[in-house]
Amino acid sequence: MQDLENIVTRAAAEFAAASDPASLENAKAKFLGKSGELTALLKQLGSLAPEEKKSFGQSINTAKQQIEVALDSRRKDLEQKKLESRLSGEALDVTLPGRGRSRGGLHPISRTWQRIEEIFGSIGFDVADGPEIETDWYNFTALNNPENHPARSMQDTFYVDMKDSGGLPLLLRTHTSPMQVRYARMHVQQFRDKAAKCPPIKVIAPGRTYRVDSDATHSPMFHQVEGLWIDEDISFADLKGIYVDFLRRFFESDDLQVRFRPSYFPFTEPSAEIDLQFASGPLKGRWLELSGAGQVHPQVVRNFGLDPERHIGFAFGSGLERLTMLRYGIDDLRLFFDGDLRFLRQFS
């Protein structure tokens, strides 16, 4: 019995002294292996009398259980120390200052978009939104531009491999005018359902547009803002007043010259191109085309659901890229789409 107690004590001591799993397994083999001290005592059982064999066998089993308990305990201790060491090596020092990301900013086109909405919103214009995949009727026919009309050749178009309810192909809108038509028809129907007089239609329609056109000064995707004001007594003079005031507020300058030059659009009559001249700065003295505009054609007013004998108004359309380039002195349209952070950070 004293030998067994001695073996258990020494086994526990050597297990506790083992500094790694390999040393622990060596210590285990010394006591529980094939040639271990406890195994050697088990081999002596055959030479004992039956009564002694039973008593001594129970004592050996008890000692073996005590050694295995000490062994398992040390194994768990070593695993825990290994885990703590690993966690300590991989730990984050939460007392360090955070690594913040650089602050972002609005794209220059988005800045222009917001500025235009603010200016026209301040004088009572709503903002319309609509689908970028349009029907032929809203994109062309409703704007006095029926099928096979020569003016359609002015807009090379991206068609979609789908048809509308009339069997005509859908397309990526070539301008934001369809949003004006949708807004006006919804506006008119809303008050017609209430049997009430239709109030003035004052709306701008900013958004993306698409045409098969790509070179140093054009992009197949670009942005437009179009405006519409329809009432019973709106004249071309109102168009001039509204748009000239918009330009002065947008460029924050009264030092501008604006001219309206006769032109042609199927959805307005009379029609005009709006040109801008800066009286100072690097563009001093140059006339730059900025917008198309005109009095809304009677057929378009009729397609709005209104009587052209009673209702009249004007519309205009401007490119957001052109306005942005002039406001910020940008000389290459492609910079807007390159995603170059060196360029974009100038506007953050």
Protein backbone atom coordinates (compact mmCIF):
# COMPACT_ATOMS: atom_id res chain seq x y z
CA MET A 1 0.00 0.00 0.00
CA GLN A 2 2.84 2.35 0.82
CA ASP A 3 4.27 1.68 -2.64
CA LEU A 4 0.95 2.65 -4.20
CA GLU A 5 0.69 5.88 -2.20
CA ASN A 6 4.25 6.69 -3.15
CA ILE A 7 3.55 6.06 -6.84
CA VAL A 8 0.41 8.28 -6.77
CA THR A 9 2.32 11.09 -5.01
CA ARG A 10 5.28 10.96 -7.39
CA ALA A 11 2.98 10.73 -10.46
CA ALA A 12 1.04 13.82 -9.35
CA ALA A 13 4.30 15.70 -8.75
CA GLU A 14 5.77 14.81 -12.15
CA PHE A 15 2.51 15.65 -13.91
CA ALA A 16 2.49 19.06 -12.22
CA ALA A 17 6.11 19.64 -13.25
CA ALA A 18 5.40 18.85 -16.95
CA SER A 19 5.60 22.13 -18.89
CA ASP A 20 4.17 20.91 -22.19
CA PRO A 21 1.97 18.06 -23.55
CA ALA A 22 5.01 16.00 -24.67
CA SER A 23 6.57 16.04 -21.17
CA LEU A 24 3.21 15.12 -19.69
CA GLU A 25 2.88 12.09 -21.98
CA ASN A 26 6.39 10.94 -21.02
CA ALA A 27 5.45 11.18 -17.35
CA LYS A 28 2.25 9.23 -18.01
CA ALA A 29 4.22 6.41 -19.69
CA LYS A 30 6.49 6.20 -16.62
CA PHE A 31 3.56 5.24 -14.43
CA LEU A 32 0.79 3.91 -16.71
CA GLY A 33 2.69 2.69 -19.77
CA LYS A 34 3.43 -0.94 -20.65
CA SER A 35 6.61 -0.76 -18.61
CA GLY A 36 5.22 1.70 -16.07
CA GLU A 37 5.47 1.30 -12.30
CA LEU A 38 1.75 0.69 -11.81
CA THR A 39 1.66 -1.79 -14.65
CA ALA A 40 4.51 -3.73 -13.04
CA LEU A 41 2.49 -4.07 -9.81
CA LEU A 42 -0.49 -5.37 -11.80
CA LYS A 43 1.70 -8.11 -13.21
CA GLN A 44 2.46 -9.33 -9.66
CA LEU A 45 -1.19 -10.11 -8.97
CA GLY A 46 -0.84 -13.58 -10.49
CA SER A 47 1.57 -14.70 -7.79
CA LEU A 48 -0.68 -13.72 -4.87
CA ALA A 49 -3.24 -15.78 -2.95
CA PRO A 50 -6.86 -15.27 -3.99
CA GLU A 51 -7.77 -13.14 -0.95
CA GLU A 52 -4.67 -10.95 -1.30
CA LYS A 53 -5.21 -10.69 -5.07
CA LYS A 54 -8.70 -9.22 -4.58
CA SER A 55 -7.63 -6.69 -1.96
CA PHE A 56 -4.42 -5.67 -3.75
CA GLY A 57 -6.22 -5.43 -7.11
CA GLN A 58 -8.77 -2.96 -5.69
CA SER A 59 -5.96 -0.85 -4.23
CA ILE A 60 -4.17 -0.74 -7.61
CA ASN A 61 -7.37 0.30 -9.41
CA THR A 62 -7.94 3.09 -6.89
CA ALA A 63 -4.37 4.31 -7.37
CA LYS A 64 -4.77 4.15 -11.14
CA GLN A 65 -7.94 6.27 -10.96
CA GLN A 66 -6.16 8.87 -8.79
CA ILE A 67 -3.26 9.05 -11.26
CA GLU A 68 -5.65 9.43 -14.23
CA VAL A 69 -7.51 12.22 -12.43
CA ALA A 70 -4.22 14.05 -11.84
CA LEU A 71 -3.26 13.44 -15.49
CA ASP A 72 -6.54 14.82 -16.86
CA SER A 73 -6.33 17.84 -14.58
CA ARG A 74 -2.82 18.65 -15.82
CA ARG A 75 -3.87 18.20 -19.45
CA LYS A 76 -6.67 20.73 -18.98
CA ASP A 77 -4.26 23.15 -17.30
CA LEU A 78 -1.84 22.95 -20.23
CA GLU A 79 -4.66 23.43 -22.80
CA GLN A 80 -5.94 26.46 -20.89
CA LYS A 81 -2.46 28.00 -20.74
CA LYS A 82 -2.04 27.42 -24.48
CA LEU A 83 -5.39 29.14 -25.18
CA GLU A 84 -4.52 32.06 -22.91
CA SER A 85 -1.18 32.45 -24.64
CA ARG A 86 -2.85 32.47 -28.05
CA LEU A 87 -5.52 34.97 -26.98
CA SER A 88 -2.86 37.19 -25.47
CA GLY A 89 -0.93 37.21 -28.72
CA GLU A 90 -4.00 37.98 -30.83
CA ALA A 91 -5.67 40.43 -28.48
CA LEU A 92 -6.71 43.90 -29.62
CA ASP A 93 -5.66 46.83 -27.53
CA VAL A 94 -8.98 48.64 -27.24
CA THR A 95 -7.28 51.60 -25.61
CA LEU A 96 -5.69 52.57 -28.93
CA PRO A 97 -7.44 55.33 -30.91
CA GLY A 98 -9.69 54.04 -33.71
CA ARG A 99 -8.50 53.99 -37.28
CA GLY A 100 -11.19 56.20 -38.81
CA ARG A 101 -12.01 56.16 -42.50
CA SER A 102 -11.58 59.29 -44.55
CA ARG A 103 -14.67 61.46 -44.87
CA GLY A 104 -16.60 61.10 -48.10
CA GLY A 105 -18.40 63.76 -50.07
CA LEU A 106 -21.00 64.35 -52.74
CA HIS A 107 -20.17 63.86 -56.40
CA PRO A 108 -20.14 67.21 -58.25
CA ILE A 109 -23.15 66.08 -60.33
CA SER A 110 -25.04 65.35 -57.10
CA ARG A 111 -24.11 68.80 -55.79
CA THR A 112 -25.56 70.40 -58.92
CA TRP A 113 -28.66 68.21 -58.70
CA GLN A 114 -29.31 69.27 -55.10
CA ARG A 115 -28.67 72.93 -55.87
CA ILE A 116 -31.16 72.92 -58.76
CA GLU A 117 -33.85 71.28 -56.63
CA GLU A 118 -33.29 73.86 -53.87
CA ILE A 119 -33.53 76.82 -56.26
CA PHE A 120 -36.69 75.67 -58.04
CA GLY A 121 -38.20 74.36 -54.82
CA SER A 122 -37.91 77.85 -53.35
CA ILE A 123 -40.25 79.20 -56.07
CA GLY A 124 -42.86 76.49 -55.81
CA PHE A 125 -41.73 73.79 -58.25
CA ASP A 126 -42.32 70.14 -57.40
CA VAL A 127 -39.76 67.45 -58.22
CA ALA A 128 -40.93 64.53 -60.41
CA ASP A 129 -39.42 61.08 -60.60
CA GLY A 130 -40.16 58.24 -62.99
CA PRO A 131 -38.90 55.08 -64.70
CA GLU A 132 -35.68 55.05 -66.68
CA ILE A 133 -37.08 52.31 -68.94
CA GLU A 134 -39.86 54.06 -70.84
CA THR A 135 -42.61 53.32 -73.30
CA ASP A 136 -42.48 54.68 -76.82
CA TRP A 137 -45.62 56.72 -76.16
CA TYR A 138 -44.27 58.63 -73.16
CA ASN A 139 -40.78 59.10 -74.59
CA PHE A 140 -41.80 60.16 -78.11
CA THR A 141 -45.44 60.16 -79.19
CA ALA A 142 -46.87 62.10 -76.22
CA LEU A 143 -44.24 64.77 -76.94
CA ASN A 144 -45.51 65.33 -80.49
CA ASN A 145 -42.83 63.04 -81.87
CA PRO A 146 -44.80 60.16 -83.45
CA GLU A 147 -43.38 57.07 -85.08
CA ASN A 148 -41.32 57.79 -88.23
CA HIS A 149 -41.15 61.50 -87.37
CA PRO A 150 -37.84 62.91 -88.69
CA ALA A 151 -37.00 64.43 -85.29
CA ARG A 152 -36.55 60.95 -83.85
CA SER A 153 -33.32 60.61 -85.79
CA MET A 154 -31.87 63.34 -83.51
CA GLN A 155 -31.90 60.84 -80.63
CA ASP A 156 -30.09 57.54 -81.19
CA THR A 157 -31.75 55.25 -78.73
CA PHE A 158 -31.04 52.21 -76.55
CA TYR A 159 -33.98 49.84 -77.06
CA VAL A 160 -34.87 47.05 -74.64
CA ASP A 161 -35.80 43.54 -75.76
CA MET A 162 -39.32 43.92 -74.36
CA LYS A 163 -42.61 45.32 -75.63
CA ASP A 164 -45.18 47.64 -74.10
CA SER A 165 -48.94 46.91 -74.08
CA GLY A 166 -49.22 48.27 -77.63
CA GLY A 167 -46.51 45.98 -78.97
CA LEU A 168 -43.93 48.76 -79.30
CA PRO A 169 -40.40 48.28 -77.92
CA LEU A 170 -39.42 49.72 -74.56
CA LEU A 171 -36.35 51.93 -74.39
CA LEU A 172 -33.99 53.70 -72.04
CA ARG A 173 -35.41 57.21 -71.88
CA THR A 174 -33.57 59.69 -74.09
CA HIS A 175 -34.62 62.70 -72.00
CA THR A 176 -36.52 63.37 -68.76
CA SER A 177 -39.54 64.85 -70.58
CA PRO A 178 -41.54 61.61 -70.09
CA MET A 179 -41.56 62.40 -66.36
CA GLN A 180 -43.22 65.73 -67.18
CA VAL A 181 -45.93 63.94 -69.14
CA ARG A 182 -46.50 61.39 -66.38
CA TYR A 183 -46.62 64.07 -63.70
CA ALA A 184 -48.98 66.31 -65.68
CA ARG A 185 -51.42 63.48 -66.51
CA MET A 186 -51.45 62.27 -62.90
CA HIS A 187 -51.92 65.86 -61.68
CA VAL A 188 -54.80 66.51 -64.07
CA GLN A 189 -56.52 63.19 -63.32
CA GLN A 190 -56.26 63.76 -59.59
CA PHE A 191 -58.26 66.97 -59.73
CA ARG A 192 -60.58 65.72 -62.47
CA ASP A 193 -61.62 62.91 -60.12
CA LYS A 194 -62.45 65.53 -57.51
CA ALA A 195 -64.36 67.62 -60.09
CA ALA A 196 -62.11 70.52 -59.12
CA LYS A 197 -60.27 73.08 -61.17
CA CYS A 198 -56.76 71.93 -62.00
CA PRO A 199 -54.18 74.18 -60.31
CA PRO A 200 -50.98 75.23 -62.12
CA ILE A 201 -48.50 72.50 -63.02
CA LYS A 202 -45.04 73.53 -61.81
CA VAL A 203 -42.48 70.75 -61.83
CA ILE A 204 -38.86 69.95 -62.57
CA ALA A 205 -37.72 66.47 -63.61
CA PRO A 206 -34.03 65.73 -62.91
CA GLY A 207 -32.56 62.32 -63.69
CA ARG A 208 -30.39 60.03 -65.79
CA THR A 209 -30.91 59.75 -69.53
CA TYR A 210 -29.38 57.53 -72.21
CA ARG A 211 -28.35 57.93 -75.86
CA VAL A 212 -25.99 56.05 -78.16
CA ASP A 213 -23.39 58.77 -78.09
CA SER A 214 -19.86 58.57 -76.72
CA ASP A 215 -16.82 60.77 -77.34
CA ALA A 216 -14.70 63.33 -75.50
CA THR A 217 -17.69 65.64 -75.00
CA HIS A 218 -20.55 63.11 -74.76
CA SER A 219 -21.45 60.09 -72.66
CA PRO A 220 -24.02 57.34 -73.35
CA MET A 221 -25.43 58.07 -69.89
CA PHE A 222 -25.85 61.66 -68.76
CA HIS A 223 -28.09 63.77 -66.55
CA GLN A 224 -30.78 66.29 -67.42
CA VAL A 225 -33.16 68.54 -65.58
CA GLU A 226 -36.33 69.60 -67.35
CA GLY A 227 -38.86 72.12 -66.13
CA LEU A 228 -42.55 72.62 -66.90
CA TRP A 229 -45.01 75.34 -65.95
CA ILE A 230 -48.57 75.10 -67.27
CA ASP A 231 -51.41 77.46 -66.34
CA GLU A 232 -54.00 79.65 -68.02
CA ASP A 233 -51.81 82.73 -68.39
CA ILE A 234 -48.13 81.69 -68.62
CA SER A 235 -46.13 83.42 -71.33
CA PHE A 236 -42.70 83.22 -72.92
CA ALA A 237 -41.76 86.21 -70.75
CA ASP A 238 -42.27 84.01 -67.65
CA LEU A 239 -39.87 81.47 -69.13
CA LYS A 240 -37.21 84.13 -69.62
CA GLY A 241 -37.68 85.55 -66.14
CA ILE A 242 -37.61 82.16 -64.38
CA TYR A 243 -34.62 80.77 -66.27
CA VAL A 244 -32.47 83.90 -66.11
CA ASP A 245 -33.13 84.14 -62.36
CA PHE A 246 -32.20 80.46 -62.00
CA LEU A 247 -28.86 80.99 -63.80
CA ARG A 248 -27.96 83.97 -61.65
CA ARG A 249 -28.73 82.08 -58.46
CA PHE A 250 -27.01 78.90 -59.63
CA PHE A 251 -23.77 80.65 -60.62
CA GLU A 252 -24.14 83.19 -57.78
CA SER A 253 -23.50 86.04 -60.16
CA ASP A 254 -25.45 88.82 -61.82
CA ASP A 255 -22.54 89.29 -64.21
CA LEU A 256 -24.15 87.08 -66.88
CA GLN A 257 -25.57 87.64 -70.33
CA VAL A 258 -28.37 85.32 -71.51
CA ARG A 259 -29.85 85.15 -75.00
CA PHE A 260 -32.71 83.14 -76.48
CA ARG A 261 -31.95 81.96 -80.00
CA PRO A 262 -34.73 80.58 -82.31
CA SER A 263 -34.59 76.81 -82.73
CA TYR A 264 -36.80 73.77 -83.31
CA PHE A 265 -38.15 71.08 -80.99
CA PRO A 266 -41.21 68.97 -81.78
CA PHE A 267 -42.67 69.46 -78.31
CA THR A 268 -42.46 73.26 -78.13
CA GLU A 269 -43.58 76.06 -80.46
CA PRO A 270 -42.03 78.58 -80.57
CA SER A 271 -38.74 77.03 -79.50
CA ALA A 272 -35.42 78.51 -78.46
CA GLU A 273 -31.88 77.61 -77.52
CA ILE A 274 -30.66 79.39 -74.40
CA ASP A 275 -27.07 80.63 -74.53
CA LEU A 276 -24.99 81.98 -71.68
CA GLN A 277 -22.09 84.42 -71.75
CA PHE A 278 -19.86 85.23 -68.78
CA ALA A 279 -18.78 88.85 -68.55
CA SER A 280 -15.61 87.92 -66.68
CA GLY A 281 -13.38 84.95 -65.92
CA PRO A 282 -11.71 82.43 -68.25
CA LEU A 283 -14.89 82.11 -70.37
CA LYS A 284 -15.37 85.85 -70.77
CA GLY A 285 -16.93 86.78 -74.09
CA ARG A 286 -17.82 83.21 -75.20
CA TRP A 287 -21.41 82.22 -75.85
CA LEU A 288 -22.18 78.70 -74.61
CA GLU A 289 -25.34 76.75 -75.42
CA LEU A 290 -26.93 75.76 -72.13
CA SER A 291 -30.53 74.70 -72.65
CA GLY A 292 -33.39 74.07 -75.02
CA ALA A 293 -36.74 75.68 -74.21
CA GLY A 294 -40.00 76.94 -75.58
CA GLN A 295 -43.74 77.30 -75.27
CA VAL A 296 -45.36 73.85 -74.88
CA HIS A 297 -46.87 72.65 -78.17
CA PRO A 298 -50.72 72.52 -78.14
CA GLN A 299 -50.66 68.81 -79.01
CA VAL A 300 -48.47 68.09 -75.99
CA VAL A 301 -50.84 70.12 -73.78
CA ARG A 302 -53.67 67.99 -75.18
CA ASN A 303 -51.72 64.82 -74.32
CA PHE A 304 -51.43 66.14 -70.77
CA GLY A 305 -55.24 65.96 -70.63
CA LEU A 306 -55.72 69.73 -70.80
CA ASP A 307 -57.43 72.05 -73.25
CA PRO A 308 -54.77 73.97 -75.23
CA GLU A 309 -57.31 76.76 -75.80
CA ARG A 310 -57.28 77.43 -72.05
CA HIS A 311 -53.91 76.19 -70.85
CA ILE A 312 -50.51 77.36 -71.95
CA GLY A 313 -47.03 77.18 -70.56
CA PHE A 314 -43.36 76.62 -71.13
CA ALA A 315 -40.77 73.90 -70.78
CA PHE A 316 -36.98 73.79 -70.71
CA GLY A 317 -34.25 71.19 -70.48
CA SER A 318 -30.63 71.54 -69.35
CA GLY A 319 -27.72 69.14 -68.96
CA LEU A 320 -26.43 68.76 -65.42
CA GLU A 321 -22.94 67.93 -66.66
CA ARG A 322 -22.76 71.18 -68.64
CA LEU A 323 -23.96 73.24 -65.69
CA THR A 324 -21.48 71.50 -63.37
CA MET A 325 -18.56 71.99 -65.74
CA LEU A 326 -19.28 75.70 -66.01
CA ARG A 327 -19.79 76.19 -62.27
CA TYR A 328 -16.60 74.40 -61.20
CA GLY A 329 -14.36 75.08 -64.20
CA ILE A 330 -14.13 71.43 -65.34
CA ASP A 331 -12.96 71.01 -68.92
CA ASP A 332 -13.38 67.27 -69.54
CA LEU A 333 -16.72 65.46 -69.26
CA ARG A 334 -15.02 62.09 -68.74
CA LEU A 335 -13.75 63.14 -65.31
CA PHE A 336 -17.28 62.73 -63.94
CA PHE A 337 -17.28 59.01 -64.72
CA ASP A 338 -13.66 57.95 -64.12
CA GLY A 339 -14.04 57.57 -60.35
CA ASP A 340 -10.64 59.19 -59.78
CA LEU A 341 -10.47 60.07 -56.07
CA ARG A 342 -7.93 62.82 -56.74
CA PHE A 343 -10.61 64.60 -58.76
CA LEU A 344 -13.56 63.81 -56.49
CA ARG A 345 -11.79 64.88 -53.27
CA GLN A 346 -11.74 68.46 -54.56
CA PHE A 347 -15.50 68.59 -53.89
CA SER A 348 -15.50 66.93 -50.44
